[in-house]
Protein backbone atom coordinates (compact mmCIF):
# COMPACT_ATOMS: atom_id res chain seq x y z
CA MET A 1 -3.42 -34.99 4.65
CA THR A 2 -5.58 -32.54 6.34
CA SER A 3 -3.06 -30.85 8.25
CA ASP A 4 -0.84 -30.41 5.05
CA LEU A 5 -3.74 -29.21 3.05
CA ALA A 6 -4.48 -26.53 5.76
CA ASP A 7 -0.93 -25.35 5.90
CA GLU A 8 -0.81 -25.08 2.06
CA VAL A 9 -4.07 -23.10 2.27
CA ARG A 10 -2.64 -20.75 5.12
CA SER A 11 0.31 -20.23 3.11
CA VAL A 12 -1.68 -18.98 0.06
CA LEU A 13 -4.03 -16.76 2.12
CA GLU A 14 -1.28 -15.32 4.12
CA ALA A 15 0.56 -14.09 1.15
CA ARG A 16 -2.81 -12.74 -0.25
CA PHE A 17 -3.86 -11.11 2.90
CA ASP A 18 -0.38 -9.24 3.07
CA ALA A 19 -0.87 -8.14 -0.46
CA ARG A 20 -4.41 -6.90 0.21
CA GLU A 21 -3.43 -4.93 3.45
CA LYS A 22 -0.61 -3.19 1.66
CA ALA A 23 -2.97 -2.34 -1.41
CA ILE A 24 -5.35 -0.70 1.19
CA THR A 25 -2.71 1.15 2.98
CA GLU A 26 -1.34 2.28 -0.26
CA SER A 27 -4.76 3.20 -1.83
CA ARG A 28 -5.51 5.68 1.01
CA ARG A 29 -2.24 7.33 0.01
CA VAL A 30 -2.90 7.39 -3.68
CA ILE A 31 -6.31 8.76 -3.08
CA ARG A 32 -5.30 11.52 -0.52
CA ALA A 33 -2.27 12.49 -2.71
CA ALA A 34 -4.51 12.85 -5.78
CA ALA A 35 -7.15 14.87 -3.85
CA ASN A 36 -4.47 17.11 -2.58
CA GLY A 37 -3.19 17.59 -6.01
CA ILE A 38 -6.60 18.59 -7.27
CA ARG A 39 -7.00 21.11 -4.62
CA ALA A 40 -3.51 22.47 -5.43
CA LEU A 41 -4.80 22.62 -9.05
CA HIS A 42 -7.88 24.90 -8.05
CA ARG A 43 -5.39 27.20 -6.38
CA SER A 44 -3.29 27.24 -9.50
CA GLU A 45 -0.20 25.84 -7.49
CA TRP A 46 0.97 23.95 -10.56
CA ASP A 47 4.25 22.69 -9.34
CA SER A 48 2.72 21.34 -5.88
CA ALA A 49 -0.01 19.73 -7.93
CA ASP A 50 2.39 18.08 -10.29
CA ALA A 51 4.31 16.60 -7.35
CA LEU A 52 1.32 15.52 -5.52
CA ILE A 53 -0.11 13.83 -8.62
CA ALA A 54 3.17 12.19 -9.56
CA GLU A 55 3.37 10.84 -5.88
CA SER A 56 -0.23 9.53 -6.40
CA GLY A 57 1.01 7.52 -9.51
CA GLU A 58 3.98 6.33 -7.69
CA ARG A 59 1.95 4.76 -5.10
CA LEU A 60 -0.46 3.45 -7.27
CA ALA A 61 2.40 1.40 -8.96
CA THR A 62 3.22 0.01 -5.66
CA ILE A 63 -0.23 -1.34 -5.39
CA ARG A 64 0.14 -2.87 -8.77
CA GLN A 65 3.41 -4.35 -7.73
CA ALA A 66 1.87 -5.77 -4.60
CA LEU A 67 -0.87 -7.41 -6.38
CA ALA A 68 1.05 -8.67 -9.42
CA ALA A 69 1.46 -12.05 -7.92
CA HIS A 70 -2.16 -12.10 -6.88
CA PRO A 71 -4.34 -11.50 -10.16
CA GLU A 72 -7.41 -12.52 -8.07
CA LEU A 73 -7.10 -9.11 -6.29
CA ILE A 74 -6.49 -6.79 -9.16
CA GLY A 75 -10.13 -6.03 -9.30
CA HIS A 76 -10.60 -5.43 -5.67
CA ALA A 77 -12.34 -2.31 -4.94
CA VAL A 78 -9.13 -0.58 -3.23
CA ALA A 79 -7.15 -1.04 -6.27
CA VAL A 80 -10.11 0.21 -8.59
CA ASP A 81 -10.93 3.34 -6.50
CA ALA A 82 -7.15 4.25 -6.37
CA THR A 83 -6.90 3.93 -10.19
CA LYS A 84 -9.96 6.18 -10.49
CA GLU A 85 -8.74 8.87 -8.38
CA TYR A 86 -5.39 8.86 -9.99
CA ALA A 87 -7.01 9.03 -13.39
CA GLU A 88 -9.40 11.87 -12.18
CA ALA A 89 -6.26 14.01 -11.06
CA ARG A 90 -4.45 13.45 -14.25
CA ILE A 91 -7.33 14.11 -16.43
CA THR A 92 -8.20 17.42 -14.35
CA GLN A 93 -4.56 18.55 -14.54
CA ALA A 94 -4.22 18.26 -18.17
CA VAL A 95 -7.46 20.19 -18.87
CA PHE A 96 -6.64 22.93 -16.31
CA THR A 97 -3.10 23.38 -17.79
CA GLY A 98 -4.33 23.38 -21.30
CA GLU A 99 -2.53 20.03 -22.24
CA GLU A 100 -3.96 16.85 -24.28
CA VAL A 101 -6.06 14.85 -21.89
CA PRO A 102 -4.16 11.60 -21.63
CA SER A 103 -5.88 8.21 -22.54
CA PHE A 104 -6.26 5.16 -20.33
CA ALA A 105 -3.28 3.69 -22.54
CA ASP A 106 -1.13 6.76 -22.08
CA LEU A 107 -1.41 6.33 -18.36
CA ASP A 108 -1.34 2.45 -18.35
CA LEU A 109 -4.50 2.17 -16.57
CA ASP A 110 -7.43 -0.18 -16.89
CA PRO A 111 -10.24 1.54 -18.87
CA ILE A 112 -13.17 1.08 -16.49
CA PRO A 113 -11.68 2.99 -13.40
CA TYR A 114 -10.06 5.44 -16.05
CA LEU A 115 -13.82 6.27 -17.29
CA HIS A 116 -15.09 6.53 -14.08
CA GLY A 117 -12.22 9.15 -13.33
CA LEU A 118 -13.33 10.89 -16.43
CA GLY A 119 -16.72 11.17 -15.40
CA GLU A 120 -15.78 12.55 -11.97
CA ALA A 121 -13.41 15.11 -13.68
CA VAL A 122 -16.41 16.78 -14.92
CA GLY A 123 -17.21 17.90 -11.34
CA GLU A 124 -13.85 19.30 -10.99
CA MET A 125 -14.25 21.34 -14.27
CA ARG A 126 -17.62 22.66 -12.95
CA ARG A 127 -16.09 23.95 -9.95
CA ARG A 128 -13.34 25.70 -11.90
CA MET A 129 -15.87 26.96 -14.63
CA LEU A 130 -17.89 28.66 -11.83
CA ASP A 131 -14.71 30.31 -10.47
CA MET A 132 -14.27 31.66 -14.16
CA LEU A 133 -17.60 33.02 -14.11
CA ARG A 134 -17.11 34.77 -11.01
CA ALA A 135 -13.95 36.42 -12.30
CA GLU A 136 -15.76 37.30 -15.41
CA ARG A 137 -13.57 35.15 -17.54
CA LEU A 138 -16.21 33.94 -19.88
CA ASP A 139 -14.21 32.68 -22.80
CA GLU A 140 -12.37 30.25 -20.43
CA ALA A 141 -15.58 29.13 -18.79
CA GLU A 142 -17.03 28.31 -22.32
CA LYS A 143 -13.84 26.27 -23.17
CA LEU A 144 -14.18 24.33 -19.89
CA LEU A 145 -18.01 23.66 -20.73
CA ASP A 146 -16.75 22.39 -24.21
CA HIS A 147 -14.46 19.75 -22.42
CA MET A 148 -17.11 18.78 -20.20
CA ASP A 149 -19.60 18.34 -23.20
CA GLU A 150 -16.89 16.17 -25.00
CA ILE A 151 -16.45 14.03 -22.04
CA VAL A 152 -20.08 13.26 -21.68
CA ASP A 153 -20.29 12.50 -25.27
CA GLN A 154 -17.48 9.99 -24.94
CA LEU A 155 -18.84 8.34 -22.06
CA ALA A 156 -22.24 7.92 -23.70
CA GLN A 157 -20.71 5.88 -26.36
CA VAL A 158 -19.66 3.18 -23.84
CA ASP A 159 -22.88 1.14 -23.92
CA TYR A 160 -22.10 -2.07 -21.93
CA PRO A 161 -23.93 -3.50 -19.18
CA ASP A 162 -23.25 -2.14 -15.44
CA GLY A 163 -21.80 -5.31 -14.42
CA MET A 164 -18.92 -4.70 -16.99
CA THR A 165 -18.34 -1.14 -16.30
CA ASN A 166 -19.00 -0.90 -12.62
CA GLY A 167 -22.06 1.25 -13.04
CA LEU A 168 -20.49 3.81 -15.38
CA ARG A 169 -24.20 4.76 -16.61
CA ARG A 170 -24.66 6.49 -13.31
CA THR A 171 -21.42 8.05 -13.43
CA THR A 172 -22.47 9.41 -16.89
CA ASP A 173 -25.78 10.52 -15.79
CA VAL A 174 -24.34 12.45 -12.90
CA ALA A 175 -21.79 14.04 -15.44
CA ARG A 176 -24.57 15.03 -17.96
CA SER A 177 -26.60 16.75 -15.26
CA LEU A 178 -23.48 18.78 -14.03
CA VAL A 179 -22.93 19.81 -17.84
CA GLU A 180 -26.63 20.98 -18.22
CA ARG A 181 -26.48 22.95 -14.93
CA SER A 182 -23.16 24.48 -16.02
CA ARG A 183 -24.55 25.44 -19.48
CA SER A 184 -27.48 27.23 -17.59
CA ASP A 185 -25.00 29.10 -15.42
CA LEU A 186 -22.93 29.99 -18.21
CA THR A 187 -25.90 31.17 -20.20
CA ALA A 188 -27.42 33.12 -17.33
CA THR A 189 -23.99 34.90 -16.83
CA VAL A 190 -23.54 35.76 -20.50
CA VAL A 191 -27.16 37.20 -20.59
CA GLN A 192 -26.26 39.33 -17.51
CA GLU A 193 -23.09 40.58 -19.05
CA ARG A 194 -25.03 41.51 -22.37
CA LEU A 195 -27.87 43.39 -20.18
CA ARG A 196 -25.05 45.24 -18.18
CA HIS A 197 -23.28 46.22 -21.41
CA ASP A 198 -26.44 47.51 -22.90
CA LEU A 199 -27.32 49.52 -19.85
CA ARG A 200 -23.85 50.99 -19.88
CA GLY A 201 -24.25 51.77 -23.56
């Protein structure tokens, strides 16, 4: 009886372990492809970015397939982190290319890692906004700030305990601080441009 039980448990745990290991391996690839895709977006290498982000999504699908028979692993940190990174890449891509930002339903993702990806995309928008300021493309910088503002407003409306949202409040607070710093940077640049214009006049 004891031997049979041990064998049965071992069989279940071996299958679970194999699924977990596959998810961990693929998660690293999801995150790497998403990060490289975002870097390509910052360089305006649109085709390369699209291919990398698509690869990230395909690898995420592989994780979900591996965990389909093991629902107890769906909320594992590696799956959540991979989902968050993919969401961040897709959201950043949409903003940078002037497309509508996809929802978690559009991407077929769980809303919690999606929301964290949404919050972290604010950092990518700030980075691009600073590039726009250096290039004196103030209208584009202002549009990015508007996107960032809207994201923080949306995140602030998700008022649930951190245990349910995996600490979304902290992600929201970080995004809010980035928006305020970006607003200050934009304001300072606009004031400098006006002074420069007045001096020329």
